[in-house]
Full PDB file with SEQRES, HELIX, SHEET, SSBOND, CRYST1, ORIGX, SCALE, CONECT and MASTER records, all heavy atoms in Angstrom:
SEQRES   1 A   33  HIS ASP THR ARG THR LEU ASP GLY ALA LEU ARG GLY TRP          
SEQRES   2 A   33  TRP GLY THR GLU ARG SER SER ARG PHE ARG MET ALA ARG          
SEQRES   3 A   33  GLU PRO GLU PHE ARG ALA GLY                                  
HELIX    1 AA1 THR A    3  THR A    5  5                                   3    
HELIX    2 AA2 TRP A   13  GLY A   15  5                                   3    
HELIX    3 AA3 ARG A   21  ARG A   23  5                                   3    
CRYST1    1.000    1.000    1.000  90.00  90.00  90.00 P 1           1          
ORIGX1      1.000000  0.000000  0.000000        0.00000                         
ORIGX2      0.000000  1.000000  0.000000        0.00000                         
ORIGX3      0.000000  0.000000  1.000000        0.00000                         
SCALE1      1.000000  0.000000  0.000000        0.00000                         
SCALE2      0.000000  1.000000  0.000000        0.00000                         
SCALE3      0.000000  0.000000  1.000000        0.00000                         
ATOM      1  N   HIS A   1      -8.880 -13.454  25.284  1.00  0.00           N  
ATOM      2  CA  HIS A   1      -9.248 -12.193  25.921  1.00  0.00           C  
ATOM      3  C   HIS A   1      -8.861 -11.033  25.003  1.00  0.00           C  
ATOM      4  O   HIS A   1      -7.690 -10.879  24.639  1.00  0.00           O  
ATOM      5  CB  HIS A   1      -8.532 -12.032  27.263  1.00  0.00           C  
ATOM      6  CG  HIS A   1      -8.869 -13.085  28.256  1.00  0.00           C  
ATOM      7  ND1 HIS A   1     -10.101 -13.168  28.884  1.00  0.00           N  
ATOM      8  CD2 HIS A   1      -8.131 -14.123  28.740  1.00  0.00           C  
ATOM      9  CE1 HIS A   1     -10.114 -14.204  29.709  1.00  0.00           C  
ATOM     10  NE2 HIS A   1      -8.931 -14.802  29.637  1.00  0.00           N  
ATOM     11  N   ASP A   2      -9.813 -10.224  24.620  1.00  0.00           N  
ATOM     12  CA  ASP A   2      -9.556  -9.055  23.792  1.00  0.00           C  
ATOM     13  C   ASP A   2      -9.161  -7.905  24.714  1.00  0.00           C  
ATOM     14  O   ASP A   2     -10.018  -7.317  25.394  1.00  0.00           O  
ATOM     15  CB  ASP A   2     -10.801  -8.691  22.983  1.00  0.00           C  
ATOM     16  CG  ASP A   2     -10.545  -7.578  21.977  1.00  0.00           C  
ATOM     17  OD1 ASP A   2      -9.480  -6.933  22.052  1.00  0.00           O  
ATOM     18  OD2 ASP A   2     -11.412  -7.345  21.118  1.00  0.00           O  
ATOM     19  N   THR A   3      -7.872  -7.599  24.762  1.00  0.00           N  
ATOM     20  CA  THR A   3      -7.408  -6.565  25.691  1.00  0.00           C  
ATOM     21  C   THR A   3      -7.992  -5.192  25.369  1.00  0.00           C  
ATOM     22  O   THR A   3      -8.001  -4.304  26.218  1.00  0.00           O  
ATOM     23  CB  THR A   3      -5.872  -6.477  25.688  1.00  0.00           C  
ATOM     24  OG1 THR A   3      -5.407  -6.189  24.362  1.00  0.00           O  
ATOM     25  CG2 THR A   3      -5.248  -7.779  26.170  1.00  0.00           C  
ATOM     26  N   ARG A   4      -8.495  -5.018  24.159  1.00  0.00           N  
ATOM     27  CA  ARG A   4      -9.078  -3.727  23.783  1.00  0.00           C  
ATOM     28  C   ARG A   4     -10.396  -3.460  24.505  1.00  0.00           C  
ATOM     29  O   ARG A   4     -10.851  -2.312  24.575  1.00  0.00           O  
ATOM     30  CB  ARG A   4      -9.284  -3.665  22.264  1.00  0.00           C  
ATOM     31  CG  ARG A   4      -7.984  -3.699  21.467  1.00  0.00           C  
ATOM     32  CD  ARG A   4      -8.226  -3.923  19.995  1.00  0.00           C  
ATOM     33  NE  ARG A   4      -8.826  -5.238  19.733  1.00  0.00           N  
ATOM     34  CZ  ARG A   4      -9.029  -5.741  18.524  1.00  0.00           C  
ATOM     35  NH1 ARG A   4      -8.684  -5.049  17.450  1.00  0.00           N  
ATOM     36  NH2 ARG A   4      -9.579  -6.941  18.374  1.00  0.00           N  
ATOM     37  N   THR A   5     -11.004  -4.512  25.046  1.00  0.00           N  
ATOM     38  CA  THR A   5     -12.309  -4.359  25.694  1.00  0.00           C  
ATOM     39  C   THR A   5     -12.263  -4.627  27.201  1.00  0.00           C  
ATOM     40  O   THR A   5     -13.319  -4.728  27.838  1.00  0.00           O  
ATOM     41  CB  THR A   5     -13.347  -5.297  25.048  1.00  0.00           C  
ATOM     42  OG1 THR A   5     -12.933  -6.657  25.219  1.00  0.00           O  
ATOM     43  CG2 THR A   5     -13.490  -4.996  23.562  1.00  0.00           C  
ATOM     44  N   LEU A   6     -11.077  -4.752  27.758  1.00  0.00           N  
ATOM     45  CA  LEU A   6     -10.956  -4.979  29.197  1.00  0.00           C  
ATOM     46  C   LEU A   6     -11.167  -3.650  29.922  1.00  0.00           C  
ATOM     47  O   LEU A   6     -10.322  -2.752  29.867  1.00  0.00           O  
ATOM     48  CB  LEU A   6      -9.589  -5.571  29.539  1.00  0.00           C  
ATOM     49  CG  LEU A   6      -9.319  -6.997  29.055  1.00  0.00           C  
ATOM     50  CD1 LEU A   6      -7.887  -7.406  29.353  1.00  0.00           C  
ATOM     51  CD2 LEU A   6     -10.298  -7.987  29.687  1.00  0.00           C  
ATOM     52  N   ASP A   7     -12.278  -3.513  30.600  1.00  0.00           N  
ATOM     53  CA  ASP A   7     -12.649  -2.228  31.189  1.00  0.00           C  
ATOM     54  C   ASP A   7     -11.654  -1.731  32.228  1.00  0.00           C  
ATOM     55  O   ASP A   7     -11.470  -0.533  32.391  1.00  0.00           O  
ATOM     56  CB  ASP A   7     -14.045  -2.329  31.830  1.00  0.00           C  
ATOM     57  CG  ASP A   7     -15.147  -2.499  30.793  1.00  0.00           C  
ATOM     58  OD1 ASP A   7     -14.917  -2.130  29.630  1.00  0.00           O  
ATOM     59  OD2 ASP A   7     -16.225  -3.006  31.166  1.00  0.00           O  
ATOM     60  N   GLY A   8     -11.054  -2.647  32.949  1.00  0.00           N  
ATOM     61  CA  GLY A   8     -10.165  -2.225  34.024  1.00  0.00           C  
ATOM     62  C   GLY A   8      -8.743  -1.925  33.580  1.00  0.00           C  
ATOM     63  O   GLY A   8      -7.912  -1.531  34.411  1.00  0.00           O  
ATOM     64  N   ALA A   9      -8.440  -2.120  32.312  1.00  0.00           N  
ATOM     65  CA  ALA A   9      -7.062  -1.959  31.845  1.00  0.00           C  
ATOM     66  C   ALA A   9      -6.622  -0.501  31.884  1.00  0.00           C  
ATOM     67  O   ALA A   9      -7.355   0.386  31.430  1.00  0.00           O  
ATOM     68  CB  ALA A   9      -6.934  -2.503  30.425  1.00  0.00           C  
ATOM     69  N   LEU A  10      -5.433  -0.263  32.419  1.00  0.00           N  
ATOM     70  CA  LEU A  10      -4.822   1.062  32.348  1.00  0.00           C  
ATOM     71  C   LEU A  10      -4.205   1.223  30.964  1.00  0.00           C  
ATOM     72  O   LEU A  10      -3.689   0.268  30.386  1.00  0.00           O  
ATOM     73  CB  LEU A  10      -3.769   1.216  33.438  1.00  0.00           C  
ATOM     74  CG  LEU A  10      -4.295   1.130  34.877  1.00  0.00           C  
ATOM     75  CD1 LEU A  10      -3.139   1.202  35.866  1.00  0.00           C  
ATOM     76  CD2 LEU A  10      -5.312   2.227  35.161  1.00  0.00           C  
ATOM     77  N   ARG A  11      -4.210   2.444  30.461  1.00  0.00           N  
ATOM     78  CA  ARG A  11      -3.797   2.663  29.080  1.00  0.00           C  
ATOM     79  C   ARG A  11      -2.640   3.657  28.975  1.00  0.00           C  
ATOM     80  O   ARG A  11      -2.474   4.527  29.828  1.00  0.00           O  
ATOM     81  CB  ARG A  11      -4.984   3.198  28.260  1.00  0.00           C  
ATOM     82  CG  ARG A  11      -6.179   2.265  28.186  1.00  0.00           C  
ATOM     83  CD  ARG A  11      -5.833   0.959  27.480  1.00  0.00           C  
ATOM     84  NE  ARG A  11      -7.020   0.103  27.310  1.00  0.00           N  
ATOM     85  CZ  ARG A  11      -6.973  -1.107  26.790  1.00  0.00           C  
ATOM     86  NH1 ARG A  11      -5.820  -1.630  26.392  1.00  0.00           N  
ATOM     87  NH2 ARG A  11      -8.073  -1.817  26.660  1.00  0.00           N  
ATOM     88  N   GLY A  12      -1.886   3.500  27.896  1.00  0.00           N  
ATOM     89  CA  GLY A  12      -0.805   4.430  27.588  1.00  0.00           C  
ATOM     90  C   GLY A  12      -0.592   4.512  26.089  1.00  0.00           C  
ATOM     91  O   GLY A  12      -1.084   3.681  25.314  1.00  0.00           O  
ATOM     92  N   TRP A  13       0.185   5.501  25.674  1.00  0.00           N  
ATOM     93  CA  TRP A  13       0.386   5.783  24.259  1.00  0.00           C  
ATOM     94  C   TRP A  13       0.975   4.599  23.508  1.00  0.00           C  
ATOM     95  O   TRP A  13       0.625   4.303  22.369  1.00  0.00           O  
ATOM     96  CB  TRP A  13       1.300   7.014  24.136  1.00  0.00           C  
ATOM     97  CG  TRP A  13       1.544   7.493  22.741  1.00  0.00           C  
ATOM     98  CD1 TRP A  13       0.647   7.562  21.711  1.00  0.00           C  
ATOM     99  CD2 TRP A  13       2.777   7.991  22.220  1.00  0.00           C  
ATOM    100  NE1 TRP A  13       1.241   8.093  20.587  1.00  0.00           N  
ATOM    101  CE2 TRP A  13       2.553   8.364  20.865  1.00  0.00           C  
ATOM    102  CE3 TRP A  13       4.051   8.180  22.763  1.00  0.00           C  
ATOM    103  CZ2 TRP A  13       3.558   8.891  20.059  1.00  0.00           C  
ATOM    104  CZ3 TRP A  13       5.038   8.721  21.965  1.00  0.00           C  
ATOM    105  CH2 TRP A  13       4.801   9.067  20.630  1.00  0.00           C  
ATOM    106  N   TRP A  14       1.890   3.880  24.144  1.00  0.00           N  
ATOM    107  CA  TRP A  14       2.605   2.812  23.434  1.00  0.00           C  
ATOM    108  C   TRP A  14       1.748   1.563  23.211  1.00  0.00           C  
ATOM    109  O   TRP A  14       2.143   0.659  22.504  1.00  0.00           O  
ATOM    110  CB  TRP A  14       3.895   2.446  24.171  1.00  0.00           C  
ATOM    111  CG  TRP A  14       5.044   2.232  23.234  1.00  0.00           C  
ATOM    112  CD1 TRP A  14       5.667   1.045  22.952  1.00  0.00           C  
ATOM    113  CD2 TRP A  14       5.709   3.218  22.446  1.00  0.00           C  
ATOM    114  NE1 TRP A  14       6.676   1.235  22.043  1.00  0.00           N  
ATOM    115  CE2 TRP A  14       6.736   2.570  21.705  1.00  0.00           C  
ATOM    116  CE3 TRP A  14       5.552   4.596  22.281  1.00  0.00           C  
ATOM    117  CZ2 TRP A  14       7.586   3.232  20.832  1.00  0.00           C  
ATOM    118  CZ3 TRP A  14       6.404   5.263  21.421  1.00  0.00           C  
ATOM    119  CH2 TRP A  14       7.398   4.584  20.708  1.00  0.00           C  
ATOM    120  N   GLY A  15       0.567   1.544  23.787  1.00  0.00           N  
ATOM    121  CA  GLY A  15      -0.342   0.431  23.529  1.00  0.00           C  
ATOM    122  C   GLY A  15      -1.221   0.641  22.314  1.00  0.00           C  
ATOM    123  O   GLY A  15      -2.051  -0.211  21.999  1.00  0.00           O  
ATOM    124  N   THR A  16      -1.037   1.759  21.621  1.00  0.00           N  
ATOM    125  CA  THR A  16      -1.866   2.041  20.453  1.00  0.00           C  
ATOM    126  C   THR A  16      -1.290   1.416  19.191  1.00  0.00           C  
ATOM    127  O   THR A  16      -0.110   1.046  19.139  1.00  0.00           O  
ATOM    128  CB  THR A  16      -1.996   3.561  20.247  1.00  0.00           C  
ATOM    129  OG1 THR A  16      -0.696   4.127  20.031  1.00  0.00           O  
ATOM    130  CG2 THR A  16      -2.640   4.221  21.460  1.00  0.00           C  
ATOM    131  N   GLU A  17      -2.138   1.333  18.166  1.00  0.00           N  
ATOM    132  CA  GLU A  17      -1.698   0.790  16.875  1.00  0.00           C  
ATOM    133  C   GLU A  17      -0.562   1.637  16.307  1.00  0.00           C  
ATOM    134  O   GLU A  17      -0.632   2.871  16.307  1.00  0.00           O  
ATOM    135  CB  GLU A  17      -2.866   0.780  15.881  1.00  0.00           C  
ATOM    136  CG  GLU A  17      -3.933  -0.251  16.181  1.00  0.00           C  
ATOM    137  CD  GLU A  17      -3.489  -1.672  15.839  1.00  0.00           C  
ATOM    138  OE1 GLU A  17      -2.355  -1.848  15.338  1.00  0.00           O  
ATOM    139  OE2 GLU A  17      -4.284  -2.598  16.071  1.00  0.00           O  
ATOM    140  N   ARG A  18       0.460   0.972  15.812  1.00  0.00           N  
ATOM    141  CA  ARG A  18       1.603   1.701  15.293  1.00  0.00           C  
ATOM    142  C   ARG A  18       1.244   2.546  14.068  1.00  0.00           C  
ATOM    143  O   ARG A  18       1.797   3.629  13.867  1.00  0.00           O  
ATOM    144  CB  ARG A  18       2.725   0.720  14.947  1.00  0.00           C  
ATOM    145  CG  ARG A  18       3.397   0.137  16.173  1.00  0.00           C  
ATOM    146  CD  ARG A  18       4.369  -0.957  15.825  1.00  0.00           C  
ATOM    147  NE  ARG A  18       5.054  -1.456  17.016  1.00  0.00           N  
ATOM    148  CZ  ARG A  18       5.795  -2.556  17.038  1.00  0.00           C  
ATOM    149  NH1 ARG A  18       5.926  -3.293  15.933  1.00  0.00           N  
ATOM    150  NH2 ARG A  18       6.397  -2.939  18.145  1.00  0.00           N  
ATOM    151  N   SER A  19       0.309   2.054  13.289  1.00  0.00           N  
ATOM    152  CA  SER A  19      -0.045   2.765  12.064  1.00  0.00           C  
ATOM    153  C   SER A  19      -0.697   4.115  12.335  1.00  0.00           C  
ATOM    154  O   SER A  19      -0.660   5.013  11.483  1.00  0.00           O  
ATOM    155  CB  SER A  19      -0.997   1.902  11.214  1.00  0.00           C  
ATOM    156  OG  SER A  19      -2.186   1.624  11.945  1.00  0.00           O  
ATOM    157  N   SER A  20      -1.282   4.266  13.519  1.00  0.00           N  
ATOM    158  CA  SER A  20      -1.959   5.527  13.839  1.00  0.00           C  
ATOM    159  C   SER A  20      -1.387   6.211  15.077  1.00  0.00           C  
ATOM    160  O   SER A  20      -1.913   7.234  15.515  1.00  0.00           O  
ATOM    161  CB  SER A  20      -3.456   5.273  14.046  1.00  0.00           C  
ATOM    162  OG  SER A  20      -3.664   4.333  15.093  1.00  0.00           O  
ATOM    163  N   ARG A  21      -0.317   5.677  15.625  1.00  0.00           N  
ATOM    164  CA  ARG A  21       0.211   6.171  16.897  1.00  0.00           C  
ATOM    165  C   ARG A  21       0.576   7.651  16.839  1.00  0.00           C  
ATOM    166  O   ARG A  21       0.326   8.419  17.783  1.00  0.00           O  
ATOM    167  CB  ARG A  21       1.427   5.332  17.302  1.00  0.00           C  
ATOM    168  CG  ARG A  21       2.029   5.724  18.651  1.00  0.00           C  
ATOM    169  CD  ARG A  21       3.117   4.756  19.053  1.00  0.00           C  
ATOM    170  NE  ARG A  21       2.570   3.409  19.267  1.00  0.00           N  
ATOM    171  CZ  ARG A  21       3.319   2.308  19.329  1.00  0.00           C  
ATOM    172  NH1 ARG A  21       4.633   2.383  19.158  1.00  0.00           N  
ATOM    173  NH2 ARG A  21       2.763   1.136  19.540  1.00  0.00           N  
ATOM    174  N   PHE A  22       1.163   8.078  15.758  1.00  0.00           N  
ATOM    175  CA  PHE A  22       1.665   9.448  15.701  1.00  0.00           C  
ATOM    176  C   PHE A  22       0.611  10.450  15.219  1.00  0.00           C  
ATOM    177  O   PHE A  22       0.911  11.618  14.982  1.00  0.00           O  
ATOM    178  CB  PHE A  22       2.931   9.507  14.846  1.00  0.00           C  
ATOM    179  CG  PHE A  22       4.103   8.878  15.546  1.00  0.00           C  
ATOM    180  CD1 PHE A  22       4.389   7.531  15.370  1.00  0.00           C  
ATOM    181  CD2 PHE A  22       4.882   9.604  16.430  1.00  0.00           C  
ATOM    182  CE1 PHE A  22       5.441   6.924  16.040  1.00  0.00           C  
ATOM    183  CE2 PHE A  22       5.936   9.015  17.107  1.00  0.00           C  
ATOM    184  CZ  PHE A  22       6.223   7.674  16.922  1.00  0.00           C  
ATOM    185  N   ARG A  23      -0.634   9.999  15.115  1.00  0.00           N  
ATOM    186  CA  ARG A  23      -1.726  10.942  14.864  1.00  0.00           C  
ATOM    187  C   ARG A  23      -2.166  11.624  16.162  1.00  0.00           C  
ATOM    188  O   ARG A  23      -2.921  12.602  16.133  1.00  0.00           O  
ATOM    189  CB  ARG A  23      -2.916  10.219  14.231  1.00  0.00           C  
ATOM    190  CG  ARG A  23      -2.622   9.642  12.844  1.00  0.00           C  
ATOM    191  CD  ARG A  23      -3.818   8.842  12.336  1.00  0.00           C  
ATOM    192  NE  ARG A  23      -3.462   8.055  11.157  1.00  0.00           N  
ATOM    193  CZ  ARG A  23      -4.200   7.067  10.670  1.00  0.00           C  
ATOM    194  NH1 ARG A  23      -5.344   6.729  11.269  1.00  0.00           N  
ATOM    195  NH2 ARG A  23      -3.817   6.389   9.598  1.00  0.00           N  
ATOM    196  N   MET A  24      -1.732  11.063  17.290  1.00  0.00           N  
ATOM    197  CA  MET A  24      -2.004  11.645  18.598  1.00  0.00           C  
ATOM    198  C   MET A  24      -3.510  11.816  18.856  1.00  0.00           C  
ATOM    199  O   MET A  24      -3.972  12.816  19.407  1.00  0.00           O  
ATOM    200  CB  MET A  24      -1.316  13.006  18.753  1.00  0.00           C  
ATOM    201  CG  MET A  24       0.155  13.001  18.395  1.00  0.00           C  
ATOM    202  SD  MET A  24       1.114  11.975  19.551  1.00  0.00           S  
ATOM    203  CE  MET A  24       2.793  12.433  19.082  1.00  0.00           C  
ATOM    204  N   ALA A  25      -4.304  10.841  18.437  1.00  0.00           N  
ATOM    205  CA  ALA A  25      -5.756  10.949  18.561  1.00  0.00           C  
ATOM    206  C   ALA A  25      -6.204  10.872  20.017  1.00  0.00           C  
ATOM    207  O   ALA A  25      -5.624  10.146  20.834  1.00  0.00           O  
ATOM    208  CB  ALA A  25      -6.423   9.836  17.766  1.00  0.00           C  
ATOM    209  N   ARG A  26      -7.245  11.621  20.331  1.00  0.00           N  
ATOM    210  CA  ARG A  26      -7.801  11.577  21.686  1.00  0.00           C  
ATOM    211  C   ARG A  26      -8.492  10.244  21.953  1.00  0.00           C  
ATOM    212  O   ARG A  26      -8.526   9.751  23.080  1.00  0.00           O  
ATOM    213  CB  ARG A  26      -8.791  12.732  21.876  1.00  0.00           C  
ATOM    214  CG  ARG A  26      -9.418  12.771  23.265  1.00  0.00           C  
ATOM    215  CD  ARG A  26     -10.176  14.053  23.488  1.00  0.00           C  
ATOM    216  NE  ARG A  26      -9.265  15.195  23.563  1.00  0.00           N  
ATOM    217  CZ  ARG A  26      -9.662  16.466  23.616  1.00  0.00           C  
ATOM    218  NH1 ARG A  26     -10.962  16.742  23.581  1.00  0.00           N  
ATOM    219  NH2 ARG A  26      -8.786  17.439  23.694  1.00  0.00           N  
ATOM    220  N   GLU A  27      -9.080   9.658  20.923  1.00  0.00           N  
ATOM    221  CA  GLU A  27      -9.726   8.352  21.024  1.00  0.00           C  
ATOM    222  C   GLU A  27      -8.945   7.379  20.144  1.00  0.00           C  
ATOM    223  O   GLU A  27      -9.300   7.144  18.996  1.00  0.00           O  
ATOM    224  CB  GLU A  27     -11.188   8.443  20.566  1.00  0.00           C  
ATOM    225  CG  GLU A  27     -12.047   9.370  21.411  1.00  0.00           C  
ATOM    226  CD  GLU A  27     -12.162   8.908  22.848  1.00  0.00           C  
ATOM    227  OE1 GLU A  27     -12.057   7.681  23.083  1.00  0.00           O  
ATOM    228  OE2 GLU A  27     -12.350   9.753  23.734  1.00  0.00           O  
ATOM    229  N   PRO A  28      -7.874   6.807  20.668  1.00  0.00           N  
ATOM    230  CA  PRO A  28      -6.960   6.011  19.838  1.00  0.00           C  
ATOM    231  C   PRO A  28      -7.468   4.590  19.581  1.00  0.00           C  
ATOM    232  O   PRO A  28      -8.410   4.115  20.227  1.00  0.00           O  
ATOM    233  CB  PRO A  28      -5.694   5.967  20.687  1.00  0.00           C  
ATOM    234  CG  PRO A  28      -6.212   6.005  22.091  1.00  0.00           C  
ATOM    235  CD  PRO A  28      -7.424   6.896  22.055  1.00  0.00           C  
ATOM    236  N   GLU A  29      -6.812   3.954  18.636  1.00  0.00           N  
ATOM    237  CA  GLU A  29      -7.014   2.532  18.400  1.00  0.00           C  
ATOM    238  C   GLU A  29      -5.948   1.775  19.188  1.00  0.00           C  
ATOM    239  O   GLU A  29      -4.753   2.003  18.969  1.00  0.00           O  
ATOM    240  CB  GLU A  29      -6.853   2.200  16.916  1.00  0.00           C  
ATOM    241  CG  GLU A  29      -7.784   2.922  15.981  1.00  0.00           C  
ATOM    242  CD  GLU A  29      -7.389   2.633  14.537  1.00  0.00           C  
ATOM    243  OE1 GLU A  29      -7.874   1.613  13.995  1.00  0.00           O  
ATOM    244  OE2 GLU A  29      -6.595   3.403  13.973  1.00  0.00           O  
ATOM    245  N   PHE A  30      -6.367   0.891  20.064  1.00  0.00           N  
ATOM    246  CA  PHE A  30      -5.397   0.115  20.833  1.00  0.00           C  
ATOM    247  C   PHE A  30      -5.071  -1.195  20.129  1.00  0.00           C  
ATOM    248  O   PHE A  30      -5.906  -1.754  19.404  1.00  0.00           O  
ATOM    249  CB  PHE A  30      -5.912  -0.143  22.248  1.00  0.00           C  
ATOM    250  CG  PHE A  30      -5.868   1.077  23.111  1.00  0.00           C  
ATOM    251  CD1 PHE A  30      -7.011   1.830  23.341  1.00  0.00           C  
ATOM    252  CD2 PHE A  30      -4.674   1.502  23.658  1.00  0.00           C  
ATOM    253  CE1 PHE A  30      -6.975   2.966  24.125  1.00  0.00           C  
ATOM    254  CE2 PHE A  30      -4.613   2.638  24.442  1.00  0.00           C  
ATOM    255  CZ  PHE A  30      -5.765   3.375  24.671  1.00  0.00           C  
ATOM    256  N   ARG A  31      -3.869  -1.668  20.341  1.00  0.00           N  
ATOM    257  CA  ARG A  31      -3.427  -2.918  19.745  1.00  0.00           C  
ATOM    258  C   ARG A  31      -4.137  -4.089  20.424  1.00  0.00           C  
ATOM    259  O   ARG A  31      -4.490  -4.031  21.610  1.00  0.00           O  
ATOM    260  CB  ARG A  31      -1.908  -3.084  19.897  1.00  0.00           C  
ATOM    261  CG  ARG A  31      -1.100  -1.977  19.252  1.00  0.00           C  
ATOM    262  CD  ARG A  31       0.377  -2.167  19.472  1.00  0.00           C  
ATOM    263  NE  ARG A  31       0.893  -3.273  18.653  1.00  0.00           N  
ATOM    264  CZ  ARG A  31       2.143  -3.742  18.751  1.00  0.00           C  
ATOM    265  NH1 ARG A  31       2.974  -3.241  19.640  1.00  0.00           N  
ATOM    266  NH2 ARG A  31       2.535  -4.721  17.972  1.00  0.00           N  
ATOM    267  N   ALA A  32      -4.333  -5.148  19.682  1.00  0.00           N  
ATOM    268  CA  ALA A  32      -4.916  -6.370  20.245  1.00  0.00           C  
ATOM    269  C   ALA A  32      -3.851  -7.124  21.040  1.00  0.00           C  
ATOM    270  O   ALA A  32      -2.648  -6.917  20.865  1.00  0.00           O  
ATOM    271  CB  ALA A  32      -5.463  -7.246  19.129  1.00  0.00           C  
ATOM    272  N   GLY A  33      -4.275  -7.992  21.905  1.00  0.00           N  
ATOM    273  CA  GLY A  33      -3.353  -8.862  22.632  1.00  0.00           C  
ATOM    274  C   GLY A  33      -2.584  -8.133  23.720  1.00  0.00           C  
ATOM    275  O   GLY A  33      -2.883  -6.994  24.090  1.00  0.00           O  
TER     276      GLY A  33                                                      
MASTER        0    0    0    3    0    0    0    6  275    1    0    3          
END                                                                             
């Protein structure tokens, strides 16, 4: 299951990729798994 594509998943800042987390992007990259 690719958690990045689960439509019902609730999201938060700490689920984003560490390499880009502190860019504070409005459309972030979420971590897999």
